[in-house]
Amino acid sequence: MADVAQLAGVSSQTVSRVSNGFAGVTEDTRRQVLAAMRELGYRPNSAARALRRGEFRTLGVITFSLSTMGNIRTLEAIATSAAGHGYAVTLLPVAVPTQDEVNGAFSRLGELAVDAVIVIMEIHLLDAATVSLPPGVQVVVADSDAGDRYTVVDTDQAGGARDAVRHLLDLGHETVWHLAGPKDSFAAQRRANAWRTTLTEAGRTPPPPVRGDWSAESGYRAGLLLADEPGCTAVFAANDQMALGLLRALHERGRRVPDDVSVVGFDDIPESASFLPPLTTVHQDFAEVGRLCVEGVLSKMRDGSGGGSTGGGHGTTLVPTRLVVRQSTARRGR
């Protein structure tokens, strides 16, 4: 820093103010200091700054799965939003979702020096008291049903599913079959519950759901079963990847989409518009979920409220969905 100050013709204090982004330095002086930094190859010592400020400008992210599209998109959104606030992200996958593994993950993140933690918990755990998060840690949880004990940000799973089912009923279909996600998934449960409730409220008897595991392969296997159901003219798939496998199975069995069977997915992944036919689906705003997770945990850091099992400020924020209508749905008997 002294070498930079000498080359730029300023004080070491001015170099410090520039490197830390503080105000009170003219633009000409700032450019002069930055030019000297580049010439000398100077990089501010982030560890020293962290010790001085008492913060590391890093958020920890714990996730139980990197295999699902929703978790990957949420993680990407969190990293993008964190970078916009000047924070880095440290990712820690947890292979086995148990209390010991969660405690170990928080311990490891503490050793890696993070300021707060975001947990992407698609698996239905917190609300079932299978695991709990350590008290006194600033935490925001994505995709869980634990808003009374933690701060939760999630997509409006139920609202999206209702829109999908109502769209198919409005097209004249007598009922809607459901290709459901895994039993231990909070999102899958909420979507399935909303599917069943919407049909019941419309005076329709829900058919037995067919369950997949979020993968296109499981959607294909389920599609082979649904293709043999003569009364199946409409299917709501719990995600787009399973819908992709379903479309293949229906095609192989000679069931035309949407002439014979209408299909709606959930997620609106970038490829869904390129399915054959292009998929009608429920759009999730992953960028907004990520933004709210980051802003929520930063707000906790500023006001000092904990994110564990005690303290105030908890509750669930739901991000709205919207139905994107494409060519995989049509009026019955068109």
Protein backbone atom coordinates (compact mmCIF):
# COMPACT_ATOMS: atom_id res chain seq x y z
CA MET A 1 0.00 0.00 0.00
CA ALA A 2 2.91 2.32 0.72
CA ASP A 3 4.35 1.60 -2.75
CA VAL A 4 1.00 2.43 -4.36
CA ALA A 5 0.76 5.64 -2.35
CA GLN A 6 4.27 6.68 -3.40
CA LEU A 7 3.64 5.94 -7.10
CA ALA A 8 0.26 7.72 -7.08
CA GLY A 9 1.55 10.66 -5.05
CA VAL A 10 -1.10 10.28 -2.35
CA SER A 11 -1.26 9.13 1.26
CA SER A 12 -1.65 5.51 2.36
CA GLN A 13 -4.99 6.51 3.88
CA THR A 14 -6.21 7.61 0.44
CA VAL A 15 -5.12 4.26 -1.04
CA SER A 16 -7.04 2.51 1.72
CA ARG A 17 -10.17 4.53 1.01
CA VAL A 18 -10.00 3.71 -2.69
CA SER A 19 -9.36 -0.01 -2.16
CA ASN A 20 -12.28 -0.25 0.27
CA GLY A 21 -14.66 1.73 -1.95
CA PHE A 22 -15.17 4.57 0.52
CA ALA A 23 -16.34 8.04 -0.49
CA GLY A 24 -14.41 11.23 0.03
CA VAL A 25 -11.94 10.75 -2.83
CA THR A 26 -12.11 12.76 -6.04
CA GLU A 27 -12.58 10.86 -9.29
CA ASP A 28 -9.19 12.01 -10.62
CA THR A 29 -7.44 10.78 -7.48
CA ARG A 30 -9.35 7.49 -7.59
CA ARG A 31 -8.27 6.87 -11.21
CA GLN A 32 -4.69 7.77 -10.30
CA VAL A 33 -4.65 5.29 -7.39
CA LEU A 34 -6.27 2.53 -9.46
CA ALA A 35 -3.70 3.03 -12.21
CA ALA A 36 -0.90 2.69 -9.66
CA MET A 37 -2.51 -0.49 -8.28
CA ARG A 38 -2.63 -2.00 -11.76
CA GLU A 39 0.94 -1.05 -12.54
CA LEU A 40 2.27 -2.56 -9.32
CA GLY A 41 -0.07 -5.58 -9.33
CA TYR A 42 -1.50 -4.59 -5.96
CA ARG A 43 -4.51 -6.57 -4.62
CA PRO A 44 -6.26 -5.60 -1.37
CA ASN A 45 -5.94 -8.29 1.32
CA SER A 46 -9.50 -9.54 1.78
CA ALA A 47 -8.60 -11.54 4.91
CA ALA A 48 -7.15 -8.45 6.60
CA ARG A 49 -10.20 -6.42 5.63
CA ALA A 50 -12.49 -9.12 7.03
CA LEU A 51 -10.69 -9.06 10.38
CA ARG A 52 -10.79 -5.28 10.50
CA ARG A 53 -14.48 -4.99 9.54
CA GLY A 54 -15.72 -8.12 11.29
CA GLU A 55 -17.33 -9.49 8.10
CA PHE A 56 -16.13 -11.75 5.30
CA ARG A 57 -18.41 -10.61 2.42
CA THR A 58 -19.25 -14.27 1.82
CA LEU A 59 -22.56 -16.13 2.07
CA GLY A 60 -22.70 -19.86 2.66
CA VAL A 61 -25.19 -21.98 0.72
CA ILE A 62 -26.17 -25.46 1.92
CA THR A 63 -28.08 -27.65 -0.52
CA PHE A 64 -29.18 -31.26 -0.33
CA SER A 65 -29.26 -31.88 -4.07
CA LEU A 66 -27.55 -30.52 -7.17
CA SER A 67 -29.39 -32.89 -9.48
CA THR A 68 -32.68 -31.03 -9.84
CA MET A 69 -33.20 -28.16 -12.27
CA GLY A 70 -34.99 -26.07 -9.62
CA ASN A 71 -32.09 -26.22 -7.16
CA ILE A 72 -29.53 -25.39 -9.84
CA ARG A 73 -31.55 -22.41 -11.05
CA THR A 74 -32.07 -21.19 -7.48
CA LEU A 75 -28.36 -21.53 -6.71
CA GLU A 76 -27.46 -19.60 -9.86
CA ALA A 77 -29.87 -16.82 -8.89
CA ILE A 78 -28.46 -16.62 -5.35
CA ALA A 79 -24.89 -16.37 -6.66
CA THR A 80 -25.85 -13.67 -9.16
CA SER A 81 -27.73 -11.62 -6.58
CA ALA A 82 -24.95 -12.01 -4.00
CA ALA A 83 -22.38 -10.78 -6.51
CA GLY A 84 -24.54 -7.72 -7.14
CA HIS A 85 -24.26 -6.89 -3.43
CA GLY A 86 -20.49 -7.47 -3.42
CA TYR A 87 -20.65 -10.90 -1.78
CA ALA A 88 -19.12 -14.21 -2.83
CA VAL A 89 -20.85 -17.56 -2.32
CA THR A 90 -19.41 -20.69 -0.71
CA LEU A 91 -21.36 -23.82 -1.67
CA LEU A 92 -21.57 -26.86 0.60
CA PRO A 93 -23.61 -29.83 -0.70
CA VAL A 94 -24.95 -32.23 1.94
CA ALA A 95 -25.21 -35.80 0.68
CA VAL A 96 -27.33 -37.23 3.50
CA PRO A 97 -29.99 -34.90 4.98
CA THR A 98 -29.69 -35.77 8.69
CA GLN A 99 -29.28 -33.64 11.79
CA ASP A 100 -25.60 -34.61 12.13
CA GLU A 101 -24.90 -33.73 8.50
CA VAL A 102 -26.65 -30.36 8.83
CA ASN A 103 -24.72 -29.53 12.01
CA GLY A 104 -21.50 -30.59 10.30
CA ALA A 105 -22.29 -28.39 7.31
CA PHE A 106 -22.79 -25.34 9.53
CA SER A 107 -19.54 -26.11 11.36
CA ARG A 108 -17.62 -26.39 8.09
CA LEU A 109 -19.10 -23.15 6.81
CA GLY A 110 -18.01 -21.48 10.06
CA GLU A 111 -14.46 -22.68 9.42
CA LEU A 112 -14.69 -21.29 5.88
CA ALA A 113 -15.63 -17.86 7.30
CA VAL A 114 -19.08 -16.92 6.02
CA ASP A 115 -21.31 -14.12 7.29
CA ALA A 116 -24.68 -15.88 6.94
CA VAL A 117 -26.25 -18.98 5.42
CA ILE A 118 -28.93 -19.75 2.81
CA VAL A 119 -30.31 -23.29 2.87
CA ILE A 120 -31.90 -24.75 -0.28
CA MET A 121 -34.02 -27.46 1.31
CA GLU A 122 -36.25 -28.99 -1.35
CA ILE A 123 -36.51 -32.16 0.73
CA HIS A 124 -39.45 -32.11 3.14
CA LEU A 125 -37.47 -32.00 6.40
CA LEU A 126 -37.65 -28.86 8.50
CA ASP A 127 -41.41 -28.92 8.93
CA ALA A 128 -41.24 -32.60 9.92
CA ALA A 129 -38.67 -31.79 12.63
CA THR A 130 -36.27 -34.29 11.10
CA VAL A 131 -33.55 -31.67 11.23
CA SER A 132 -33.25 -28.23 12.79
CA LEU A 133 -30.91 -25.36 12.11
CA PRO A 134 -28.53 -24.04 14.78
CA PRO A 135 -29.91 -21.09 16.80
CA GLY A 136 -28.27 -17.70 16.58
CA VAL A 137 -27.17 -18.05 12.95
CA GLN A 138 -28.51 -15.70 10.28
CA VAL A 139 -30.38 -18.09 7.98
CA VAL A 140 -32.87 -17.92 5.13
CA VAL A 141 -34.38 -21.14 3.79
CA ALA A 142 -35.49 -21.63 0.17
CA ASP A 143 -38.17 -24.16 -0.77
CA SER A 144 -39.38 -25.44 2.59
CA ASP A 145 -42.46 -25.38 4.81
CA ALA A 146 -41.01 -23.91 7.99
CA GLY A 147 -42.09 -20.28 7.91
CA ASP A 148 -43.20 -20.27 11.55
CA ARG A 149 -39.67 -21.10 12.74
CA TYR A 150 -37.46 -19.78 9.93
CA THR A 151 -37.47 -17.15 7.24
CA VAL A 152 -38.56 -18.93 4.06
CA VAL A 153 -38.61 -17.80 0.43
CA ASP A 154 -40.43 -20.01 -2.04
CA THR A 155 -42.33 -20.12 -5.29
CA ASP A 156 -46.12 -20.13 -4.96
CA GLN A 157 -46.26 -23.86 -5.63
CA ALA A 158 -49.98 -24.21 -4.93
CA GLY A 159 -50.97 -21.20 -7.00
CA GLY A 160 -49.03 -22.45 -10.00
CA ALA A 161 -50.57 -25.90 -9.77
CA ARG A 162 -54.08 -24.44 -9.49
CA ASP A 163 -53.53 -22.39 -12.63
CA ALA A 164 -52.34 -25.47 -14.52
CA VAL A 165 -55.35 -27.59 -13.52
CA ARG A 166 -57.89 -24.82 -14.13
CA HIS A 167 -56.42 -24.21 -17.58
CA LEU A 168 -57.00 -27.86 -18.51
CA LEU A 169 -60.51 -27.91 -17.05
CA ASP A 170 -61.37 -24.70 -18.92
CA LEU A 171 -60.39 -26.51 -22.13
CA GLY A 172 -63.20 -28.99 -21.52
CA HIS A 173 -61.31 -31.94 -20.05
CA GLU A 174 -63.39 -33.99 -17.64
CA THR A 175 -60.52 -34.46 -15.22
CA VAL A 176 -56.75 -34.01 -15.00
CA TRP A 177 -54.25 -36.78 -14.27
CA HIS A 178 -51.13 -35.91 -12.29
CA LEU A 179 -47.53 -36.96 -12.81
CA ALA A 180 -46.26 -36.18 -9.30
CA GLY A 181 -42.76 -35.56 -7.95
CA PRO A 182 -41.00 -37.47 -5.13
CA LYS A 183 -42.85 -38.04 -1.85
CA ASP A 184 -40.15 -36.37 0.25
CA SER A 185 -40.23 -33.14 -1.79
CA PHE A 186 -42.04 -30.16 -0.28
CA ALA A 187 -42.62 -28.67 -3.73
CA ALA A 188 -44.03 -31.93 -5.10
CA GLN A 189 -46.37 -32.25 -2.13
CA ARG A 190 -47.69 -28.70 -2.47
CA ARG A 191 -48.27 -29.13 -6.21
CA ALA A 192 -50.04 -32.48 -5.72
CA ASN A 193 -52.24 -31.12 -2.91
CA ALA A 194 -53.28 -28.14 -5.04
CA TRP A 195 -54.03 -30.44 -8.02
CA ARG A 196 -56.27 -32.61 -5.87
CA THR A 197 -58.02 -29.68 -4.17
CA THR A 198 -58.69 -27.86 -7.44
CA LEU A 199 -60.30 -30.93 -9.00
CA THR A 200 -62.40 -31.58 -5.90
CA GLU A 201 -63.61 -27.98 -5.76
CA ALA A 202 -64.62 -28.29 -9.43
CA GLY A 203 -66.71 -31.37 -8.63
CA ARG A 204 -64.29 -33.80 -10.32
CA THR A 205 -62.88 -36.99 -8.87
CA PRO A 206 -59.06 -36.91 -8.85
CA PRO A 207 -57.54 -39.94 -10.60
CA PRO A 208 -54.77 -41.84 -8.80
CA PRO A 209 -51.49 -39.91 -9.23
CA VAL A 210 -48.52 -41.49 -10.97
CA ARG A 211 -45.23 -40.69 -9.23
CA GLY A 212 -41.85 -39.84 -10.73
CA ASP A 213 -38.51 -38.62 -9.38
CA TRP A 214 -38.17 -35.33 -11.34
CA SER A 215 -36.20 -37.03 -14.16
CA ALA A 216 -37.25 -37.34 -17.79
CA GLU A 217 -36.76 -41.10 -17.53
CA SER A 218 -39.30 -41.36 -14.72
CA GLY A 219 -41.67 -39.24 -16.77
CA TYR A 220 -41.26 -41.66 -19.65
CA ARG A 221 -42.07 -44.65 -17.46
CA ALA A 222 -45.12 -42.89 -16.03
CA GLY A 223 -46.16 -41.86 -19.55
CA LEU A 224 -46.27 -45.48 -20.68
CA LEU A 225 -48.81 -46.15 -17.90
CA LEU A 226 -50.88 -43.05 -18.62
CA ALA A 227 -50.94 -43.78 -22.36
CA ASP A 228 -52.86 -46.97 -21.57
CA GLU A 229 -55.56 -45.06 -19.66
CA PRO A 230 -58.38 -44.48 -22.19
CA GLY A 231 -59.92 -41.72 -20.08
CA CYS A 232 -56.67 -39.78 -19.79
CA THR A 233 -57.02 -36.67 -21.96
CA ALA A 234 -55.10 -34.18 -19.77
CA VAL A 235 -51.98 -34.48 -17.61
CA PHE A 236 -50.38 -32.01 -15.23
CA ALA A 237 -46.71 -32.95 -14.77
CA ALA A 238 -44.99 -31.64 -11.63
CA ASN A 239 -41.95 -30.48 -13.61
CA ASP A 240 -40.87 -29.96 -17.21
CA GLN A 241 -38.28 -32.73 -17.28
CA MET A 242 -40.88 -35.36 -16.41
CA ALA A 243 -43.20 -33.77 -18.96
CA LEU A 244 -40.48 -34.30 -21.58
CA GLY A 245 -40.39 -38.03 -20.87
CA LEU A 246 -44.18 -38.10 -20.84
CA LEU A 247 -44.34 -36.55 -24.31
CA ARG A 248 -42.00 -39.22 -25.65
CA ALA A 249 -44.05 -42.05 -24.14
CA LEU A 250 -47.33 -40.69 -25.50
CA HIS A 251 -45.77 -40.31 -28.96
CA GLU A 252 -44.48 -43.89 -28.92
CA ARG A 253 -47.93 -45.19 -27.94
CA GLY A 254 -49.64 -43.23 -30.70
CA ARG A 255 -51.34 -40.70 -28.39
CA ARG A 256 -51.09 -37.31 -30.10
CA VAL A 257 -50.34 -34.16 -28.09
CA PRO A 258 -52.45 -32.06 -27.84
CA ASP A 259 -55.11 -33.70 -30.05
CA ASP A 260 -55.55 -36.76 -27.83
CA VAL A 261 -53.83 -35.66 -24.61
CA SER A 262 -53.04 -32.16 -23.34
CA VAL A 263 -49.92 -31.77 -21.19
CA VAL A 264 -48.88 -29.00 -18.77
CA GLY A 265 -45.51 -28.88 -17.00
CA PHE A 266 -44.03 -26.82 -14.18
CA ASP A 267 -40.80 -24.71 -14.10
CA ASP A 268 -40.65 -23.22 -17.61
CA ILE A 269 -37.08 -24.35 -18.18
CA PRO A 270 -35.41 -22.64 -21.17
CA GLU A 271 -35.77 -25.79 -23.30
CA SER A 272 -39.54 -26.15 -22.74
CA ALA A 273 -40.33 -23.86 -25.67
CA SER A 274 -38.35 -26.26 -27.90
CA PHE A 275 -40.17 -29.45 -26.88
CA LEU A 276 -42.30 -31.13 -29.56
CA PRO A 277 -44.86 -29.71 -29.23
CA PRO A 278 -43.72 -26.61 -27.28
CA LEU A 279 -44.77 -27.15 -23.68
CA THR A 280 -47.47 -25.25 -21.83
CA THR A 281 -45.99 -24.81 -18.36
CA VAL A 282 -45.96 -22.85 -15.11
CA HIS A 283 -43.18 -20.26 -15.02
CA GLN A 284 -41.11 -20.02 -11.84
CA ASP A 285 -39.19 -16.78 -11.22
CA PHE A 286 -35.96 -18.29 -9.91
CA ALA A 287 -34.16 -14.95 -10.17
CA GLU A 288 -36.65 -13.35 -7.79
CA VAL A 289 -36.38 -16.26 -5.34
CA GLY A 290 -32.59 -15.88 -5.33
CA ARG A 291 -32.80 -12.12 -4.92
CA LEU A 292 -35.20 -12.34 -1.99
CA CYS A 293 -33.06 -15.01 -0.30
CA VAL A 294 -29.96 -12.81 -0.50
CA GLU A 295 -31.73 -9.61 0.51
CA GLY A 296 -33.45 -11.43 3.37
CA VAL A 297 -30.24 -12.78 4.86
CA LEU A 298 -28.45 -9.44 4.39
CA SER A 299 -31.32 -7.73 6.21
CA LYS A 300 -30.91 -10.19 9.09
CA MET A 301 -27.22 -9.39 9.22
CA ARG A 302 -27.92 -5.66 9.38
CA ASP A 303 -30.53 -5.84 12.14
CA GLY A 304 -28.81 -8.66 14.01
CA SER A 305 -31.83 -10.99 14.10
CA GLY A 306 -30.96 -14.67 14.23
CA GLY A 307 -32.22 -17.20 11.73
CA GLY A 308 -32.29 -20.29 13.89
CA SER A 309 -35.18 -21.78 15.79
CA THR A 310 -35.67 -18.75 18.00
CA GLY A 311 -36.09 -15.05 17.33
CA GLY A 312 -38.49 -12.90 15.33
CA GLY A 313 -38.85 -11.93 11.73
CA HIS A 314 -39.78 -15.41 10.48
CA GLY A 315 -42.44 -16.26 7.92
CA THR A 316 -42.80 -17.27 4.29
CA THR A 317 -42.55 -15.04 1.23
CA LEU A 318 -44.16 -16.55 -1.86
CA VAL A 319 -43.00 -15.53 -5.32
CA PRO A 320 -45.90 -15.55 -7.83
CA THR A 321 -45.96 -17.89 -10.82
CA ARG A 322 -47.59 -17.45 -14.23
CA LEU A 323 -48.97 -19.90 -16.74
CA VAL A 324 -47.22 -19.90 -20.12
CA VAL A 325 -49.58 -21.34 -22.75
CA ARG A 326 -47.94 -23.03 -25.72
CA GLN A 327 -48.93 -25.80 -28.13
CA SER A 328 -49.09 -28.84 -25.81
CA THR A 329 -52.64 -28.03 -24.65
CA ALA A 330 -55.85 -27.71 -26.65
CA ARG A 331 -59.60 -27.85 -26.26
CA ARG A 332 -60.85 -31.37 -25.82
CA GLY A 333 -62.11 -32.95 -29.05
CA ARG A 334 -60.94 -30.10 -31.25
